[in-house]
Amino acid sequence: MEIERKLLRLLHGHSTRTRLPEIHAHLLRHYLHGSNLLLAHFISICGSLRYSDYASRVFSHIQNPNVLVFNSIIKCYSLVGPPLKSLSFFSSMKARGIWADEYTYAPLLKSCSSISDSRFGECVHGEVVRTGLHRLGSIRIGVVELYASSGRMGDAQKVFDEMPERNIVVWNLMIRGFCDSGDVERGLGLFRKMGERSVVSWNSMISSLSKCGRGREALELFCEMVDQGFDPDEATVVTVLPISASLGVLDTGKWIHSTAEAKGLVKDFITVGNALVDFYCKSGDVEAATAIFKKMQRRNVVSWNTMISGSAVNGNGEFGIDLYDSMIEEGEVAPNEATFLGVLACCSYTGQVEKGEELFRLMMERFMLEPSTEHYGVMVDLMSRSGRIKEAFEFLKSMPVKANASMWGSLLSACRSHGDVKLAEVAAMELVRIEPENSGNYVLLSNLYAEEGRWEDVEKVRAVMKKRSLKKSTGQSSVCNVSS
């Protein structure tokens, strides 16, 4: 029919996103709500536009959906989620006695991978083997992804080895699977065997090396990638910049910055701008970080948080507090828990107790955010640094969360600085109670007694250490992690 062809052209046209309801109305007006071909295309377009709810509503009014329609709705939810919906529609399809085909199984396997449901996936794998569809490339890739995503690399390897042809996608799946399951060497070995690599392949391997603490190797691999003529993309920049910062390789980070600027990545991706702000903050160059932050055309909560926290770490707490105030004043982005961690740290470093207490209250009352142990810890540190030791102690006792070693360490450090021996003893005793196997805490308590000339108590502490077979360690105790 001519009207069907016209609607199909409209569905696949440039203005589909804005005209979708209009096309749907045309479809109903011309009594084409029984055309499974048109409906399958309509649902497919909904999926590509991420309109899964719209697709589901259309599907619910179809009286006799065929395999084309089911394939479209299964693929829609495999793309948009939740993936469990794909499995549900597949079960409905089977209940209706409709036979699946390769276009059913490929997105279905992807949904199983997304939720790491290898049991359901195994059943699907068994079905495709019985129907002979397991020989198809798209199905094999789906099965490899299924097993790799759930860490069953032996099963993934078996399917991979049986493939007569392997494209970049399946190589990348295997490499990521081995790396994610902790076998980075196998992943690296496969990467080296690849005849053809993509930027995704390089990014996956660089990221995996970084995650397992092999940052220098990751950076060397990045240099190799560039030498072989591959251009870094958004994912490369976001992966490599933190490595450069942690290793102190500033020249590499600055080169990545200039490359990202030249390719328009800073302008196009908030994640790249955020990564650059983070890189310069961690490198101690707050001025450069601020310049990038101000140039960003769009900012999200991560952008603000990175800049605020970076200001705190670099001893520019006043600027961090001003940033927070600007964020609230602009009103485009709402603060989250991480925002308050950063700005409270700024208050702590600048000794602004009242401001910190006000922000802590606003966090709960205005923004309805539940403070975590970390937030309470920063508040204890804020009061302790400012010499308000008794207040910090009362705050510790009244908290709804259990005080950890870091909090008691902050208090102990402040007590020693301000000569409050009695409260210092309480804090040291708490450290021993919380971390009974940490010899550093016993040494702190022993030194505290020694400073007061309480030699009997010193001997008691040493006796406990001997009984517990604890030796004086050169390592740090919790209190040593607290900067003064």
Protein backbone atom coordinates (compact mmCIF):
# COMPACT_ATOMS: atom_id res chain seq x y z
CA MET A 1 0.00 0.00 0.00
CA GLU A 2 1.17 3.52 -0.82
CA ILE A 3 0.23 4.86 2.62
CA GLU A 4 2.39 2.17 4.28
CA ARG A 5 5.38 3.11 2.14
CA LYS A 6 4.82 6.79 2.96
CA LEU A 7 4.70 6.09 6.71
CA LEU A 8 7.84 3.95 6.49
CA ARG A 9 9.64 6.83 4.77
CA LEU A 10 8.44 9.19 7.51
CA LEU A 11 9.61 6.78 10.22
CA HIS A 12 13.11 6.69 8.80
CA GLY A 13 13.25 10.40 7.97
CA HIS A 14 15.34 13.15 9.55
CA SER A 15 12.51 14.64 11.63
CA THR A 16 11.23 11.39 13.13
CA ARG A 17 11.95 12.40 16.74
CA THR A 18 9.57 15.38 16.60
CA ARG A 19 6.99 13.75 14.34
CA LEU A 20 6.62 10.38 16.09
CA PRO A 21 3.17 11.12 17.67
CA GLU A 22 2.01 12.51 14.33
CA ILE A 23 3.14 9.35 12.51
CA HIS A 24 1.41 7.23 15.14
CA ALA A 25 -1.81 9.21 14.62
CA HIS A 26 -1.56 8.65 10.85
CA LEU A 27 -1.12 4.96 11.46
CA LEU A 28 -4.30 4.79 13.57
CA ARG A 29 -6.29 7.08 11.26
CA HIS A 30 -5.65 4.81 8.30
CA TYR A 31 -6.52 1.65 10.28
CA LEU A 32 -2.96 0.34 10.04
CA HIS A 33 -2.76 -0.66 13.71
CA GLY A 34 -2.90 -4.26 12.50
CA SER A 35 0.14 -3.91 10.23
CA ASN A 36 2.87 -5.80 12.06
CA LEU A 37 5.48 -4.57 9.58
CA LEU A 38 4.71 -0.90 10.29
CA LEU A 39 4.38 -1.50 14.02
CA ALA A 40 7.69 -3.36 14.14
CA HIS A 41 9.40 -0.41 12.44
CA PHE A 42 7.63 2.05 14.74
CA ILE A 43 8.74 0.20 17.90
CA SER A 44 12.26 -0.15 16.50
CA ILE A 45 12.46 3.61 15.94
CA CYS A 46 11.15 4.20 19.49
CA GLY A 47 14.00 2.04 20.76
CA SER A 48 16.64 3.92 18.77
CA LEU A 49 15.25 7.19 20.18
CA ARG A 50 15.18 5.68 23.70
CA TYR A 51 11.39 6.01 23.95
CA SER A 52 10.89 2.60 25.56
CA ASP A 53 7.70 3.59 27.42
CA TYR A 54 6.11 4.77 24.17
CA ALA A 55 7.17 1.51 22.48
CA SER A 56 5.63 -0.51 25.31
CA ARG A 57 2.32 1.39 25.10
CA VAL A 58 2.12 0.79 21.34
CA PHE A 59 2.96 -2.89 21.80
CA SER A 60 0.26 -3.34 24.45
CA HIS A 61 -2.45 -2.44 21.88
CA ILE A 62 -1.27 -4.92 19.24
CA GLN A 63 -3.69 -7.84 19.08
CA ASN A 64 -1.62 -10.34 17.09
CA PRO A 65 2.06 -9.43 17.26
CA ASN A 66 4.36 -11.58 15.12
CA VAL A 67 8.07 -12.34 15.42
CA LEU A 68 8.99 -8.99 13.79
CA VAL A 69 7.11 -7.03 16.46
CA PHE A 70 8.51 -9.12 19.31
CA ASN A 71 12.03 -8.75 17.94
CA SER A 72 11.61 -4.97 17.87
CA ILE A 73 10.39 -4.70 21.46
CA ILE A 74 13.04 -7.16 22.72
CA LYS A 75 15.76 -5.15 20.97
CA CYS A 76 14.27 -1.89 22.29
CA TYR A 77 14.70 -2.98 25.91
CA SER A 78 18.11 -4.51 25.25
CA LEU A 79 19.22 -1.04 24.11
CA VAL A 80 17.37 1.18 26.57
CA GLY A 81 16.67 -1.09 29.53
CA PRO A 82 15.64 -2.41 31.86
CA PRO A 83 17.03 -5.58 30.22
CA LEU A 84 14.72 -7.81 32.28
CA LYS A 85 11.87 -6.51 30.12
CA SER A 86 13.50 -8.16 27.10
CA LEU A 87 13.45 -11.49 28.91
CA SER A 88 9.81 -10.96 29.87
CA PHE A 89 8.76 -10.23 26.28
CA PHE A 90 10.70 -13.29 25.10
CA SER A 91 8.76 -15.45 27.57
CA SER A 92 5.47 -13.95 26.29
CA MET A 93 6.55 -14.69 22.74
CA LYS A 94 7.23 -18.34 23.56
CA ALA A 95 3.92 -18.61 25.42
CA ARG A 96 2.17 -17.51 22.21
CA GLY A 97 3.96 -20.26 20.29
CA ILE A 98 5.92 -17.85 18.10
CA TRP A 99 9.25 -19.20 16.86
CA ALA A 100 12.32 -17.06 17.51
CA ASP A 101 14.95 -16.27 14.88
CA GLU A 102 18.48 -14.83 14.89
CA TYR A 103 17.09 -11.30 15.29
CA THR A 104 15.41 -12.45 18.51
CA TYR A 105 18.44 -14.11 20.05
CA ALA A 106 21.11 -11.47 19.42
CA PRO A 107 19.45 -8.69 21.53
CA LEU A 108 18.18 -11.27 24.01
CA LEU A 109 21.72 -12.48 24.67
CA LYS A 110 22.80 -8.86 25.11
CA SER A 111 20.10 -8.38 27.76
CA CYS A 112 21.28 -11.52 29.57
CA SER A 113 24.82 -10.08 29.51
CA SER A 114 23.64 -6.76 30.94
CA ILE A 115 22.19 -8.45 34.01
CA SER A 116 24.87 -11.17 34.12
CA ASP A 117 22.14 -13.82 34.07
CA SER A 118 24.20 -16.74 32.78
CA ARG A 119 21.52 -19.29 33.78
CA PHE A 120 18.87 -17.77 31.53
CA GLY A 121 21.59 -17.10 28.98
CA GLU A 122 22.61 -20.77 29.03
CA CYS A 123 19.03 -21.73 28.18
CA VAL A 124 19.08 -19.28 25.28
CA HIS A 125 22.45 -20.65 24.18
CA GLY A 126 21.01 -24.17 24.27
CA GLU A 127 18.09 -23.05 22.10
CA VAL A 128 20.29 -21.47 19.45
CA VAL A 129 22.43 -24.62 19.31
CA ARG A 130 19.32 -26.78 18.80
CA THR A 131 18.08 -24.51 16.01
CA GLY A 132 21.51 -24.31 14.35
CA LEU A 133 21.62 -20.54 14.72
CA HIS A 134 24.73 -20.74 16.90
CA ARG A 135 26.87 -20.72 13.75
CA LEU A 136 25.84 -17.16 12.91
CA GLY A 137 28.41 -14.48 13.73
CA SER A 138 26.01 -12.18 15.60
CA ILE A 139 24.88 -15.07 17.81
CA ARG A 140 28.43 -16.23 18.56
CA ILE A 141 29.37 -12.69 19.57
CA GLY A 142 26.31 -12.54 21.84
CA VAL A 143 27.27 -15.84 23.50
CA VAL A 144 30.87 -14.69 24.03
CA GLU A 145 29.58 -11.46 25.61
CA LEU A 146 27.19 -13.46 27.80
CA TYR A 147 29.90 -15.66 29.29
CA ALA A 148 32.55 -12.93 29.45
CA SER A 149 30.21 -10.57 31.31
CA SER A 150 29.58 -13.18 34.00
CA GLY A 151 33.27 -14.10 34.35
CA ARG A 152 32.92 -17.53 32.74
CA MET A 153 35.97 -17.06 30.57
CA GLY A 154 36.47 -20.78 29.95
CA ASP A 155 33.07 -20.97 28.24
CA ALA A 156 33.71 -17.69 26.42
CA GLN A 157 37.09 -18.97 25.21
CA LYS A 158 35.52 -22.17 23.89
CA VAL A 159 33.02 -20.25 21.74
CA PHE A 160 35.74 -17.79 20.70
CA ASP A 161 38.04 -20.61 19.58
CA GLU A 162 35.26 -22.17 17.49
CA MET A 163 34.67 -18.95 15.53
CA PRO A 164 35.97 -19.21 11.95
CA GLU A 165 36.17 -15.41 11.74
CA ARG A 166 36.65 -12.99 14.61
CA ASN A 167 35.98 -9.29 14.29
CA ILE A 168 37.27 -6.48 16.50
CA VAL A 169 34.10 -6.58 18.62
CA VAL A 170 34.59 -10.16 19.80
CA TRP A 171 38.33 -9.61 20.41
CA ASN A 172 37.47 -6.60 22.59
CA LEU A 173 34.89 -8.65 24.50
CA MET A 174 37.44 -11.35 25.27
CA ILE A 175 40.13 -8.87 26.31
CA ARG A 176 37.77 -6.97 28.60
CA GLY A 177 36.39 -10.25 29.98
CA PHE A 178 39.82 -11.55 30.99
CA CYS A 179 40.83 -8.19 32.46
CA ASP A 180 37.59 -7.75 34.40
CA SER A 181 37.92 -11.25 35.85
CA GLY A 182 41.41 -10.42 37.12
CA ASP A 183 43.50 -12.16 34.45
CA VAL A 184 45.10 -9.07 32.95
CA GLU A 185 48.02 -11.07 31.53
CA ARG A 186 45.66 -13.21 29.42
CA GLY A 187 43.90 -10.05 28.31
CA LEU A 188 47.19 -8.41 27.38
CA GLY A 189 48.27 -11.57 25.57
CA LEU A 190 45.10 -11.52 23.45
CA PHE A 191 45.55 -7.82 22.79
CA ARG A 192 49.03 -8.47 21.43
CA LYS A 193 47.66 -11.20 19.15
CA MET A 194 45.02 -8.97 17.57
CA GLY A 195 45.62 -8.49 13.88
CA GLU A 196 43.54 -5.33 13.77
CA ARG A 197 42.86 -3.02 16.69
CA SER A 198 40.43 -0.18 17.26
CA VAL A 199 40.59 2.75 19.68
CA VAL A 200 38.15 0.75 21.84
CA SER A 201 40.72 -2.08 22.04
CA TRP A 202 43.45 0.28 23.19
CA ASN A 203 41.17 2.06 25.67
CA SER A 204 40.02 -1.24 27.19
CA MET A 205 43.57 -2.47 27.70
CA ILE A 206 44.87 0.86 29.04
CA SER A 207 41.95 1.09 31.48
CA SER A 208 42.45 -2.50 32.67
CA LEU A 209 46.16 -1.98 33.36
CA SER A 210 45.35 1.21 35.26
CA LYS A 211 42.68 -0.48 37.40
CA CYS A 212 45.08 -3.16 38.61
CA GLY A 213 47.74 -0.63 39.64
CA ARG A 214 49.93 -0.89 36.55
CA GLY A 215 49.70 2.77 35.67
CA ARG A 216 53.16 3.09 34.14
CA GLU A 217 52.49 0.20 31.76
CA ALA A 218 49.14 1.77 30.91
CA LEU A 219 50.86 5.04 30.04
CA GLU A 220 53.46 3.23 27.93
CA LEU A 221 50.64 1.49 26.07
CA PHE A 222 48.99 4.86 25.47
CA CYS A 223 52.23 6.19 23.96
CA GLU A 224 52.40 3.09 21.77
CA MET A 225 48.81 3.72 20.68
CA VAL A 226 49.65 7.28 19.61
CA ASP A 227 52.85 6.12 17.86
CA GLN A 228 50.77 3.68 15.80
CA GLY A 229 48.60 6.53 14.54
CA PHE A 230 45.48 6.09 16.69
CA ASP A 231 43.80 9.31 17.77
CA PRO A 232 42.69 9.48 21.42
CA ASP A 233 38.94 9.77 21.89
CA GLU A 234 36.86 10.88 24.86
CA ALA A 235 37.32 7.55 26.69
CA THR A 236 41.09 7.64 26.14
CA VAL A 237 41.41 11.14 27.59
CA VAL A 238 39.25 10.33 30.62
CA THR A 239 41.30 7.16 31.27
CA VAL A 240 44.82 8.49 30.73
CA LEU A 241 44.62 11.87 32.49
CA PRO A 242 44.22 10.38 36.02
CA ILE A 243 47.16 8.05 35.31
CA SER A 244 49.31 11.01 34.24
CA ALA A 245 48.38 12.88 37.42
CA SER A 246 49.06 9.93 39.74
CA LEU A 247 52.49 9.31 38.16
CA GLY A 248 53.32 13.01 38.04
CA VAL A 249 53.84 12.88 34.28
CA LEU A 250 52.60 16.40 33.65
CA ASP A 251 53.97 16.76 30.11
CA THR A 252 51.87 13.81 28.92
CA GLY A 253 48.78 15.26 30.57
CA LYS A 254 49.38 18.64 28.97
CA TRP A 255 49.88 17.01 25.56
CA ILE A 256 46.56 15.18 26.00
CA HIS A 257 44.97 18.51 26.92
CA SER A 258 46.20 20.21 23.74
CA THR A 259 45.12 17.21 21.63
CA ALA A 260 41.67 17.19 23.24
CA GLU A 261 41.31 20.92 22.56
CA ALA A 262 42.37 20.51 18.92
CA LYS A 263 39.86 17.71 18.35
CA GLY A 264 37.01 19.56 20.02
CA LEU A 265 36.69 16.95 22.78
CA VAL A 266 36.76 19.56 25.55
CA LYS A 267 33.90 21.42 23.90
CA ASP A 268 31.85 18.32 23.07
CA PHE A 269 32.21 16.22 26.24
CA ILE A 270 31.66 17.35 29.84
CA THR A 271 33.58 14.25 30.95
CA VAL A 272 36.73 15.50 29.20
CA GLY A 273 36.45 18.95 30.81
CA ASN A 274 35.93 17.29 34.21
CA ALA A 275 38.96 15.03 33.68
CA LEU A 276 41.13 18.04 32.80
CA VAL A 277 39.98 19.98 35.87
CA ASP A 278 40.76 16.91 38.00
CA PHE A 279 44.18 16.46 36.34
CA TYR A 280 45.30 20.03 36.99
CA CYS A 281 43.94 20.02 40.55
CA LYS A 282 45.83 16.81 41.31
CA SER A 283 48.93 18.32 39.68
CA GLY A 284 48.70 21.35 41.98
CA ASP A 285 47.84 23.81 39.21
CA VAL A 286 44.55 25.24 40.47
CA GLU A 287 44.91 28.24 38.17
CA ALA A 288 44.87 26.02 35.05
CA ALA A 289 42.01 23.95 36.49
CA THR A 290 40.00 27.11 37.14
CA ALA A 291 40.61 28.40 33.61
CA ILE A 292 39.26 25.16 32.12
CA PHE A 293 36.33 25.12 34.54
CA LYS A 294 35.33 28.67 33.58
CA LYS A 295 35.60 27.89 29.85
CA MET A 296 33.32 24.86 30.07
CA GLN A 297 30.11 25.57 28.16
CA ARG A 298 28.21 23.01 30.22
CA ARG A 299 28.87 21.86 33.76
CA ASN A 300 27.36 19.05 35.77
CA VAL A 301 27.59 18.28 39.47
CA VAL A 302 30.87 16.39 38.90
CA SER A 303 32.40 19.54 37.38
CA TRP A 304 31.58 21.60 40.47
CA ASN A 305 32.55 18.84 42.90
CA THR A 306 35.93 18.31 41.24
CA MET A 307 36.75 22.02 41.37
CA ILE A 308 35.55 22.43 44.98
CA SER A 309 37.43 19.34 46.24
CA GLY A 310 40.50 20.30 44.23
CA SER A 311 40.51 23.72 45.88
CA ALA A 312 40.40 22.08 49.31
CA VAL A 313 43.25 19.67 48.56
CA ASN A 314 45.42 22.51 47.26
CA GLY A 315 44.90 24.65 50.35
CA ASN A 316 42.56 27.12 48.68
CA GLY A 317 39.53 26.51 50.86
CA GLU A 318 38.18 30.05 50.59
CA PHE A 319 37.94 29.69 46.82
CA GLY A 320 36.21 26.32 47.23
CA ILE A 321 33.58 27.86 49.51
CA ASP A 322 33.06 30.70 47.01
CA LEU A 323 32.58 28.11 44.27
CA TYR A 324 29.94 26.34 46.32
CA ASP A 325 28.12 29.64 46.89
CA SER A 326 28.23 30.35 43.13
CA MET A 327 26.87 26.89 42.40
CA ILE A 328 23.89 27.46 44.68
CA GLU A 329 23.36 30.99 43.39
CA GLU A 330 23.30 29.85 39.74
CA GLY A 331 20.83 27.12 40.66
CA GLU A 332 21.36 25.08 37.50
CA VAL A 333 22.96 22.13 39.27
CA ALA A 334 21.86 20.74 42.64
CA PRO A 335 24.61 19.73 45.09
CA ASN A 336 24.95 16.10 46.09
CA GLU A 337 26.71 14.26 48.90
CA ALA A 338 30.13 14.65 47.24
CA THR A 339 29.61 18.42 46.94
CA PHE A 340 29.21 18.72 50.69
CA LEU A 341 32.22 16.50 51.38
CA GLY A 342 34.30 18.90 49.31
CA VAL A 343 32.97 22.17 50.72
CA LEU A 344 33.09 20.88 54.31
CA ALA A 345 36.74 19.99 53.72
CA CYS A 346 37.24 23.58 52.53
CA CYS A 347 35.72 24.79 55.80
CA SER A 348 38.00 22.46 57.74
CA TYR A 349 41.17 23.72 56.04
CA THR A 350 40.17 27.36 56.56
CA GLY A 351 38.93 26.89 60.13
CA GLN A 352 35.40 28.11 59.36
CA VAL A 353 33.51 26.07 61.94
CA GLU A 354 30.28 28.09 61.88
CA LYS A 355 30.13 27.95 58.08
CA GLY A 356 30.74 24.20 58.19
CA GLU A 357 28.01 23.66 60.77
CA GLU A 358 25.61 25.76 58.70
CA LEU A 359 26.37 23.74 55.55
CA PHE A 360 26.03 20.46 57.43
CA ARG A 361 22.57 21.53 58.59
CA LEU A 362 21.55 22.77 55.11
CA MET A 363 22.65 19.50 53.61
CA MET A 364 20.01 17.67 55.64
CA GLU A 365 17.25 20.27 55.96
CA ARG A 366 17.28 22.04 52.58
CA PHE A 367 18.71 19.42 50.24
CA MET A 368 17.38 16.34 52.08
CA LEU A 369 20.71 14.53 51.88
CA GLU A 370 21.66 11.92 54.47
CA PRO A 371 25.18 12.48 55.85
CA SER A 372 27.51 9.50 55.52
CA THR A 373 30.32 8.43 57.84
CA GLU A 374 32.66 10.55 55.70
CA HIS A 375 30.59 13.70 56.31
CA TYR A 376 30.62 13.13 60.06
CA GLY A 377 34.36 12.51 59.85
CA VAL A 378 34.97 15.85 58.13
CA MET A 379 32.89 17.62 60.80
CA VAL A 380 34.97 16.01 63.57
CA ASP A 381 38.13 17.07 61.74
CA LEU A 382 36.75 20.61 61.29
CA MET A 383 36.07 21.04 65.01
CA SER A 384 39.32 19.34 66.03
CA ARG A 385 41.51 21.47 63.75
CA SER A 386 39.88 24.62 65.13
CA GLY A 387 40.67 23.62 68.71
CA ARG A 388 37.05 22.99 69.65
CA ILE A 389 38.00 19.67 71.14
CA LYS A 390 35.19 19.27 73.66
CA GLU A 391 32.65 20.10 70.96
CA ALA A 392 34.24 17.52 68.65
CA PHE A 393 34.09 14.90 71.41
CA GLU A 394 30.41 15.59 72.12
CA PHE A 395 29.68 15.46 68.38
CA LEU A 396 31.44 12.08 68.20
CA LYS A 397 29.36 10.68 71.03
CA SER A 398 26.04 11.94 69.63
CA MET A 399 26.53 10.83 66.01
CA PRO A 400 24.02 8.31 64.59
CA VAL A 401 26.93 6.48 62.93
CA LYS A 402 29.71 4.61 64.66
CA ALA A 403 32.91 6.64 64.98
CA ASN A 404 35.84 5.13 63.07
CA ALA A 405 39.58 5.20 63.69
CA SER A 406 40.11 8.23 61.45
CA MET A 407 37.70 10.32 63.55
CA TRP A 408 39.34 9.36 66.83
CA GLY A 409 42.71 10.01 65.19
CA SER A 410 41.64 13.56 64.30
CA LEU A 411 40.54 14.16 67.87
CA LEU A 412 43.73 12.65 69.34
CA SER A 413 45.92 14.79 67.10
CA ALA A 414 44.04 17.92 68.19
CA CYS A 415 44.18 16.93 71.88
CA ARG A 416 47.95 16.54 71.75
CA SER A 417 48.34 19.88 69.93
CA HIS A 418 46.23 21.68 72.54
CA GLY A 419 47.50 19.79 75.59
CA ASP A 420 44.27 18.04 76.56
CA VAL A 421 45.87 14.87 77.94
CA LYS A 422 42.72 13.47 79.53
CA LEU A 423 40.71 13.53 76.31
CA ALA A 424 43.76 12.38 74.34
CA GLU A 425 43.83 9.25 76.50
CA VAL A 426 40.14 8.60 75.75
CA ALA A 427 40.79 8.95 72.02
CA ALA A 428 43.87 6.70 72.14
CA MET A 429 41.95 4.04 74.09
CA GLU A 430 39.20 4.14 71.46
CA LEU A 431 41.77 3.67 68.71
CA VAL A 432 43.11 0.59 70.49
CA ARG A 433 39.58 -0.75 70.89
CA ILE A 434 38.66 -0.21 67.22
CA GLU A 435 41.98 -1.46 65.81
CA PRO A 436 43.30 -3.98 68.36
CA GLU A 437 45.84 -5.41 65.91
CA ASN A 438 47.35 -2.04 64.94
CA SER A 439 50.57 -1.73 66.94
CA GLY A 440 50.83 1.96 66.08
CA ASN A 441 47.84 2.74 68.28
CA TYR A 442 49.48 1.07 71.30
CA VAL A 443 52.66 3.04 70.67
CA LEU A 444 50.64 6.27 70.60
CA LEU A 445 49.00 5.39 73.92
CA SER A 446 52.34 4.35 75.42
CA ASN A 447 53.98 7.61 74.30
CA LEU A 448 51.08 9.56 75.77
CA TYR A 449 51.63 7.91 79.15
CA ALA A 450 55.40 8.39 78.91
CA GLU A 451 54.97 12.12 78.31
CA GLU A 452 52.98 12.25 81.57
CA GLY A 453 55.50 10.12 83.44
CA ARG A 454 52.92 7.35 83.96
CA TRP A 455 55.45 4.52 83.69
CA GLU A 456 53.21 1.85 85.19
CA ASP A 457 50.67 2.49 82.45
CA VAL A 458 53.47 2.36 79.86
CA GLU A 459 54.42 -1.11 81.11
CA LYS A 460 50.78 -2.23 80.99
CA VAL A 461 50.50 -1.19 77.35
CA ARG A 462 53.75 -3.00 76.51
CA ALA A 463 52.48 -6.10 78.29
CA VAL A 464 49.30 -6.07 76.20
CA MET A 465 51.39 -5.70 73.04
CA LYS A 466 53.57 -8.63 74.08
CA LYS A 467 50.52 -10.76 74.87
CA ARG A 468 49.06 -9.98 71.45
CA SER A 469 52.46 -10.59 69.78
CA LEU A 470 52.45 -7.03 68.42
CA LYS A 471 55.75 -5.44 67.51
CA LYS A 472 56.45 -1.75 67.28
CA SER A 473 55.76 -0.96 63.65
CA THR A 474 57.33 1.67 61.44
CA GLY A 475 53.98 1.95 59.64
CA GLN A 476 51.43 4.63 60.23
CA SER A 477 48.60 4.57 62.69
CA SER A 478 45.25 6.18 61.99
CA VAL A 479 46.30 9.43 63.63
CA CYS A 480 49.24 9.78 61.24
CA ASN A 481 46.87 9.94 58.30
CA VAL A 482 45.36 13.16 59.61
CA SER A 483 47.11 16.27 58.35
CA SER A 484 47.64 18.98 60.91
